[in-house]
Protein backbone atom coordinates (compact mmCIF):
# COMPACT_ATOMS: atom_id res chain seq x y z
CA MET A 1 27.14 -2.88 -2.47
CA LYS A 2 25.25 -0.81 0.08
CA ILE A 3 21.65 -1.47 -0.36
CA LEU A 4 18.56 -0.18 1.17
CA VAL A 5 15.27 -2.36 1.32
CA THR A 6 12.11 -1.04 1.90
CA GLY A 7 9.46 -3.81 2.99
CA GLY A 8 12.60 -5.97 3.56
CA SER A 9 10.24 -8.31 6.35
CA GLY A 10 7.73 -9.14 3.95
CA MET A 11 7.55 -12.35 1.85
CA LEU A 12 9.66 -11.40 -1.20
CA GLY A 13 11.68 -8.63 0.82
CA SER A 14 12.81 -11.32 3.37
CA ASP A 15 13.80 -13.53 1.06
CA LEU A 16 15.73 -10.80 -0.85
CA VAL A 17 17.68 -9.31 2.78
CA ALA A 18 18.74 -12.65 3.00
CA GLU A 19 20.40 -13.55 -0.76
CA LEU A 20 21.75 -9.77 -0.31
CA GLU A 21 23.82 -10.79 2.96
CA ARG A 22 24.40 -13.99 1.60
CA ARG A 23 26.48 -12.82 -1.54
CA GLY A 24 28.40 -9.80 0.93
CA HIS A 25 26.10 -6.71 0.09
CA LEU A 26 25.63 -4.45 3.23
CA VAL A 27 22.00 -4.40 3.46
CA ALA A 28 19.73 -1.75 5.55
CA ALA A 29 15.94 -2.93 5.84
CA PRO A 30 14.14 -0.50 8.09
CA THR A 31 10.81 -1.31 9.24
CA SER A 32 7.93 0.37 8.22
CA LYS A 33 7.81 2.43 11.33
CA GLU A 34 11.49 3.28 11.18
CA LEU A 35 10.99 4.37 7.57
CA ASP A 36 7.43 4.85 6.45
CA ILE A 37 7.79 5.49 2.91
CA THR A 38 4.37 7.12 2.56
CA ASP A 39 5.82 10.14 4.78
CA PRO A 40 7.25 12.46 2.26
CA GLU A 41 9.06 13.84 5.41
CA LEU A 42 10.69 10.73 6.30
CA VAL A 43 11.46 9.93 2.53
CA ALA A 44 13.10 13.03 2.14
CA ALA A 45 16.12 11.89 4.59
CA VAL A 46 16.97 9.34 2.20
CA ALA A 47 17.94 12.31 -0.43
CA MET A 48 20.00 13.46 2.14
CA SER A 49 22.05 10.31 2.58
CA ARG A 50 23.88 10.64 -0.63
CA GLY A 51 26.73 7.80 -0.31
CA ALA A 52 24.90 5.98 2.11
CA HIS A 53 23.19 3.65 -0.11
CA ASP A 54 23.96 2.36 -3.76
CA TRP A 55 20.70 0.83 -4.16
CA CYS A 56 17.08 1.02 -3.22
CA ILE A 57 14.85 -1.88 -3.67
CA ASN A 58 11.52 -1.46 -2.93
CA CYS A 59 9.39 -4.11 -1.90
CA ALA A 60 6.68 -2.17 0.32
CA ALA A 61 3.33 -2.44 -1.17
CA TYR A 62 -0.45 -2.43 -0.45
CA THR A 63 -1.06 -6.21 -1.24
CA ALA A 64 -4.60 -6.78 -0.24
CA VAL A 65 -6.63 -7.18 -3.94
CA ASP A 66 -9.88 -7.44 -2.67
CA LYS A 67 -9.57 -5.17 0.24
CA ALA A 68 -8.04 -2.28 -2.09
CA GLU A 69 -11.78 -1.72 -3.81
CA THR A 70 -12.88 -0.22 -0.45
CA GLU A 71 -9.55 0.58 1.09
CA VAL A 72 -8.65 2.94 -1.70
CA GLN A 73 -6.87 5.53 0.01
CA GLN A 74 -4.59 3.22 1.88
CA ALA A 75 -3.52 1.42 -1.73
CA THR A 76 -3.09 4.61 -3.28
CA GLU A 77 -1.07 6.01 -0.43
CA LEU A 78 1.79 2.88 -0.37
CA ASN A 79 1.22 1.62 -3.97
CA ALA A 80 1.06 4.87 -6.21
CA ILE A 81 2.08 7.83 -4.16
CA ALA A 82 5.14 6.46 -1.97
CA PRO A 83 7.23 5.09 -5.05
CA GLY A 84 7.27 8.57 -6.14
CA TYR A 85 8.59 10.14 -3.16
CA LEU A 86 11.13 7.45 -2.93
CA SER A 87 12.36 7.46 -6.48
CA GLN A 88 12.34 11.53 -6.31
CA ALA A 89 14.57 10.93 -2.77
CA CYS A 90 16.86 8.13 -4.42
CA SER A 91 17.63 10.49 -7.75
CA MET A 92 18.48 13.17 -5.49
CA ALA A 93 20.68 11.13 -3.50
CA GLY A 94 22.61 9.36 -6.60
CA ILE A 95 20.62 6.09 -5.28
CA LYS A 96 19.74 3.44 -8.38
CA LEU A 97 16.10 2.44 -7.64
CA MET A 98 14.41 -0.99 -8.17
CA HIS A 99 10.71 -0.88 -7.87
CA ILE A 100 8.73 -4.51 -7.74
CA SER A 101 5.57 -4.43 -9.45
CA THR A 102 3.02 -6.88 -10.85
CA ASP A 103 0.84 -8.96 -13.73
CA PHE A 104 -2.15 -6.88 -12.44
CA VAL A 105 -1.21 -3.92 -14.64
CA PHE A 106 -2.64 -5.88 -17.49
CA ASP A 107 -5.88 -6.94 -18.17
CA GLY A 108 -5.61 -10.19 -19.03
CA ASN A 109 -7.48 -10.38 -22.35
CA GLY A 110 -4.01 -11.35 -24.05
CA THR A 111 -3.30 -14.64 -25.46
CA THR A 112 0.38 -14.67 -25.74
CA PRO A 113 2.86 -13.52 -22.81
CA TYR A 114 2.90 -9.78 -22.07
CA LYS A 115 6.15 -8.06 -22.98
CA PRO A 116 7.28 -5.01 -20.41
CA ASP A 117 6.15 -2.22 -23.24
CA ALA A 118 2.51 -4.09 -23.69
CA PRO A 119 -0.52 -1.55 -23.12
CA THR A 120 -1.67 -1.62 -19.54
CA ARG A 121 -5.19 -1.85 -18.37
CA PRO A 122 -5.45 -2.74 -15.01
CA LEU A 123 -8.70 -4.06 -13.76
CA GLY A 124 -8.91 -3.05 -10.30
CA VAL A 125 -7.66 -0.64 -7.52
CA TYR A 126 -4.81 -2.80 -6.51
CA GLY A 127 -3.66 -3.01 -10.33
CA ARG A 128 -4.34 0.45 -11.03
CA THR A 129 -2.35 2.12 -8.01
CA LYS A 130 0.63 -0.49 -8.98
CA ARG A 131 0.34 1.24 -12.42
CA GLU A 132 0.59 4.64 -11.24
CA GLY A 133 3.64 3.48 -8.67
CA GLU A 134 5.35 2.43 -12.03
CA GLU A 135 5.05 5.82 -13.67
CA ALA A 136 5.81 7.59 -10.70
CA VAL A 137 8.84 5.42 -10.05
CA LEU A 138 10.06 6.07 -14.00
CA ALA A 139 8.90 9.92 -14.00
CA ALA A 140 11.21 10.80 -10.88
CA ASN A 141 14.39 8.92 -11.76
CA ALA A 142 16.01 8.40 -15.09
CA ASN A 143 17.88 5.72 -13.60
CA GLY A 144 14.58 3.77 -12.16
CA ILE A 145 13.93 0.06 -12.79
CA VAL A 146 10.47 -1.65 -12.40
CA VAL A 147 10.30 -5.28 -11.97
CA ARG A 148 6.74 -6.93 -12.45
CA THR A 149 6.18 -10.35 -11.52
CA SER A 150 3.26 -12.58 -10.78
CA TRP A 151 1.92 -15.24 -8.43
CA LEU A 152 4.40 -14.82 -5.35
CA TYR A 153 4.85 -17.44 -3.07
CA GLY A 154 7.05 -18.09 -0.22
CA PRO A 155 7.81 -19.62 3.06
CA ASN A 156 7.67 -16.47 4.84
CA GLY A 157 3.95 -14.71 5.19
CA ARG A 158 0.70 -16.08 3.42
CA SER A 159 0.90 -17.61 -0.07
CA PHE A 160 -1.42 -19.45 -2.35
CA PRO A 161 0.33 -22.91 -1.55
CA LYS A 162 0.40 -22.68 2.03
CA THR A 163 -3.35 -21.70 1.91
CA MET A 164 -3.92 -24.89 0.05
CA ILE A 165 -1.69 -27.23 1.73
CA THR A 166 -3.49 -25.81 5.25
CA ALA A 167 -7.32 -26.31 4.01
CA TRP A 168 -6.19 -29.78 2.57
CA GLU A 169 -4.52 -31.09 5.67
CA ALA A 170 -7.71 -29.92 7.56
CA GLY A 171 -9.91 -31.95 5.35
CA LYS A 172 -11.92 -29.15 3.87
CA GLN A 173 -13.89 -29.35 0.47
CA LEU A 174 -11.28 -27.26 -2.09
CA ARG A 175 -12.88 -25.54 -5.10
CA VAL A 176 -10.03 -23.90 -7.38
CA VAL A 177 -10.42 -21.53 -10.02
CA ASP A 178 -9.35 -23.22 -13.58
CA ASP A 179 -9.23 -20.49 -15.88
CA GLN A 180 -6.85 -18.02 -14.76
CA THR A 181 -3.82 -18.68 -16.00
CA GLY A 182 -0.25 -17.37 -14.87
CA CYS A 183 3.45 -18.29 -13.41
CA PRO A 184 4.05 -19.10 -10.01
CA THR A 185 7.18 -17.19 -8.81
CA TYR A 186 9.24 -18.48 -5.92
CA THR A 187 10.54 -15.88 -3.69
CA GLY A 188 13.94 -17.59 -3.32
CA ASP A 189 14.32 -17.36 -6.94
CA LEU A 190 13.07 -13.99 -7.40
CA ALA A 191 15.59 -12.91 -4.71
CA ARG A 192 18.13 -14.38 -6.60
CA VAL A 193 17.47 -12.71 -9.93
CA LEU A 194 16.84 -9.37 -8.40
CA VAL A 195 20.42 -9.42 -7.07
CA ASP A 196 22.07 -10.67 -10.23
CA MET A 197 20.43 -7.68 -11.70
CA VAL A 198 21.65 -4.96 -8.83
CA GLU A 199 25.19 -6.96 -9.65
CA ARG A 200 25.13 -6.51 -13.36
CA ASN A 201 24.20 -2.70 -13.08
CA ALA A 202 20.83 -3.41 -15.20
CA TYR A 203 19.93 -0.75 -17.33
CA PRO A 204 16.60 1.61 -16.59
CA GLY A 205 13.40 0.37 -17.73
CA ILE A 206 10.84 -1.94 -16.95
CA TYR A 207 11.80 -5.93 -16.79
CA HIS A 208 9.09 -9.04 -16.56
CA ALA A 209 10.56 -11.60 -13.87
CA CYS A 210 8.64 -14.66 -12.90
CA GLY A 211 8.67 -18.26 -13.08
CA PRO A 212 8.84 -20.58 -16.34
CA ASP A 213 5.70 -22.38 -15.58
CA VAL A 214 2.79 -21.74 -16.74
CA LEU A 215 -0.61 -22.94 -15.21
CA THR A 216 -4.09 -22.35 -13.76
CA TRP A 217 -4.62 -21.81 -9.93
CA TYR A 218 -6.50 -25.31 -9.88
CA GLN A 219 -3.29 -26.60 -11.49
CA PHE A 220 -0.99 -24.91 -8.91
CA ALA A 221 -2.96 -26.31 -6.08
CA ILE A 222 -2.99 -30.12 -7.10
CA THR A 223 1.12 -29.67 -8.11
CA ALA A 224 1.90 -27.74 -4.33
CA ILE A 225 -0.24 -30.55 -2.38
CA GLU A 226 1.69 -33.33 -4.60
CA VAL A 227 5.00 -31.86 -3.46
CA TYR A 228 4.07 -31.74 0.05
CA LYS A 229 2.67 -35.32 0.12
CA ALA A 230 5.69 -36.59 -1.69
CA ALA A 231 7.93 -34.50 1.31
CA ARG A 232 5.79 -35.66 4.26
CA GLY A 233 5.24 -39.12 2.87
CA LEU A 234 1.43 -38.72 3.13
CA ASP A 235 -0.68 -41.03 0.71
CA ARG A 236 -4.28 -39.40 1.27
CA PRO A 237 -5.91 -38.72 -2.18
CA ILE A 238 -6.27 -34.94 -3.46
CA GLU A 239 -9.75 -33.92 -3.85
CA ILE A 240 -9.94 -30.64 -5.90
CA THR A 241 -13.14 -29.16 -7.55
CA PRO A 242 -12.06 -26.97 -10.59
CA ILE A 243 -14.30 -24.06 -11.20
CA PRO A 244 -14.68 -21.27 -13.16
CA THR A 245 -13.99 -17.45 -12.02
CA GLU A 246 -18.06 -17.05 -11.66
CA ALA A 247 -18.36 -19.85 -9.07
CA TYR A 248 -15.71 -17.51 -7.15
CA PRO A 249 -16.84 -14.08 -7.33
CA THR A 250 -14.14 -11.58 -5.59
CA PRO A 251 -14.39 -7.91 -5.17
CA ALA A 252 -11.57 -7.38 -7.54
CA ALA A 253 -11.38 -8.76 -10.52
CA ARG A 254 -8.14 -10.63 -11.96
CA PRO A 255 -6.54 -11.15 -15.26
CA THR A 256 -7.95 -14.07 -17.05
CA TYR A 257 -4.18 -14.69 -18.51
CA SER A 258 -1.20 -12.93 -17.03
CA VAL A 259 2.02 -14.49 -18.44
CA LEU A 260 4.81 -12.49 -18.46
CA ASP A 261 7.72 -12.24 -21.10
CA THR A 262 11.05 -12.62 -19.40
CA ALA A 263 13.01 -12.51 -22.35
CA GLY A 264 14.30 -9.01 -22.18
CA LEU A 265 15.53 -9.99 -18.54
CA TYR A 266 17.39 -12.95 -19.06
CA ALA A 267 19.10 -10.97 -22.32
CA LEU A 268 21.18 -9.69 -19.17
CA GLY A 269 22.53 -12.92 -18.95
CA ILE A 270 20.74 -13.64 -15.84
CA GLU A 271 19.74 -17.31 -15.51
CA PRO A 272 16.06 -18.12 -15.87
CA MET A 273 14.49 -19.05 -12.40
CA GLN A 274 13.84 -23.37 -11.66
CA SER A 275 10.89 -24.92 -12.93
CA LEU A 276 8.41 -25.84 -10.15
CA SER A 277 9.77 -29.32 -10.12
CA LEU A 278 12.62 -27.82 -8.00
CA ALA A 279 11.34 -24.84 -6.66
CA LEU A 280 8.17 -26.14 -4.76
CA PRO A 281 10.26 -28.98 -2.85
CA ASP A 282 13.08 -26.35 -1.86
CA PHE A 283 9.85 -24.21 -0.69
CA MET A 284 8.43 -27.22 1.23
CA LYS A 285 11.65 -27.89 2.92
CA ARG A 286 11.59 -24.39 4.34
CA LEU A 287 8.22 -24.16 5.00
CA THR A 288 8.47 -27.69 6.99
CA GLY A 289 11.68 -27.05 8.57
CA GLY A 290 13.56 -29.73 6.79
CA ASP A 291 17.15 -29.55 5.76
């Protein structure tokens, strides 16, 4: 198939492009300068490209959660308004659209995994703009698909495990929040799932796709460094202090609990993602240039 990927140079987008090409799809991944999706005139050109693409997967997003609290316009343009432009253009061109969203659309007050149809209540600008983007996509395109994911990490770009490993290697005193719970998601696995959805011609609507492990940021940090130590043959102890959210104040509030229910996705016959015990070693190999 012919697939347009926006945000194709990002942490998820780069793995997605590689997975699509590996499976023999024809991929167009323009840079943000080549296709600025916040520019309605540039996006309108997509509407004139009937037959040029079968699918569009939008990985472009404003993801600086804390900066979004002050950079409201930038976050709104990229997360809320631009997906609407893209959805309208894809609808006019007969292109199926898949839009990537986030667990931050929920307030985190739940105690059981959030289903795709659960009520949303974003806590900050980032989550609010991402939710508005979801609504714009689904309103403008009858074939629109929204895929929410969480706690993304991958070898390309910044991610939590990389930050923890770098800090630990530098001998820094680490203090990590231990009362926020979610599901780490490896970009290599999510890319595979997204391509599976395309190849199975997934029905329109909202899906949740994330890793199967449920843990806190503190537990994630410990696990990531343990895997890194094993990969490098290191024996230095891991000293991380678990702290409550109040001890690490940030401009944007985070959901305390953002576990996503993925049952609807895997009902399509798509295999679940790997557990951290398998995904993290693969991530480490790619991160350190191993075979």
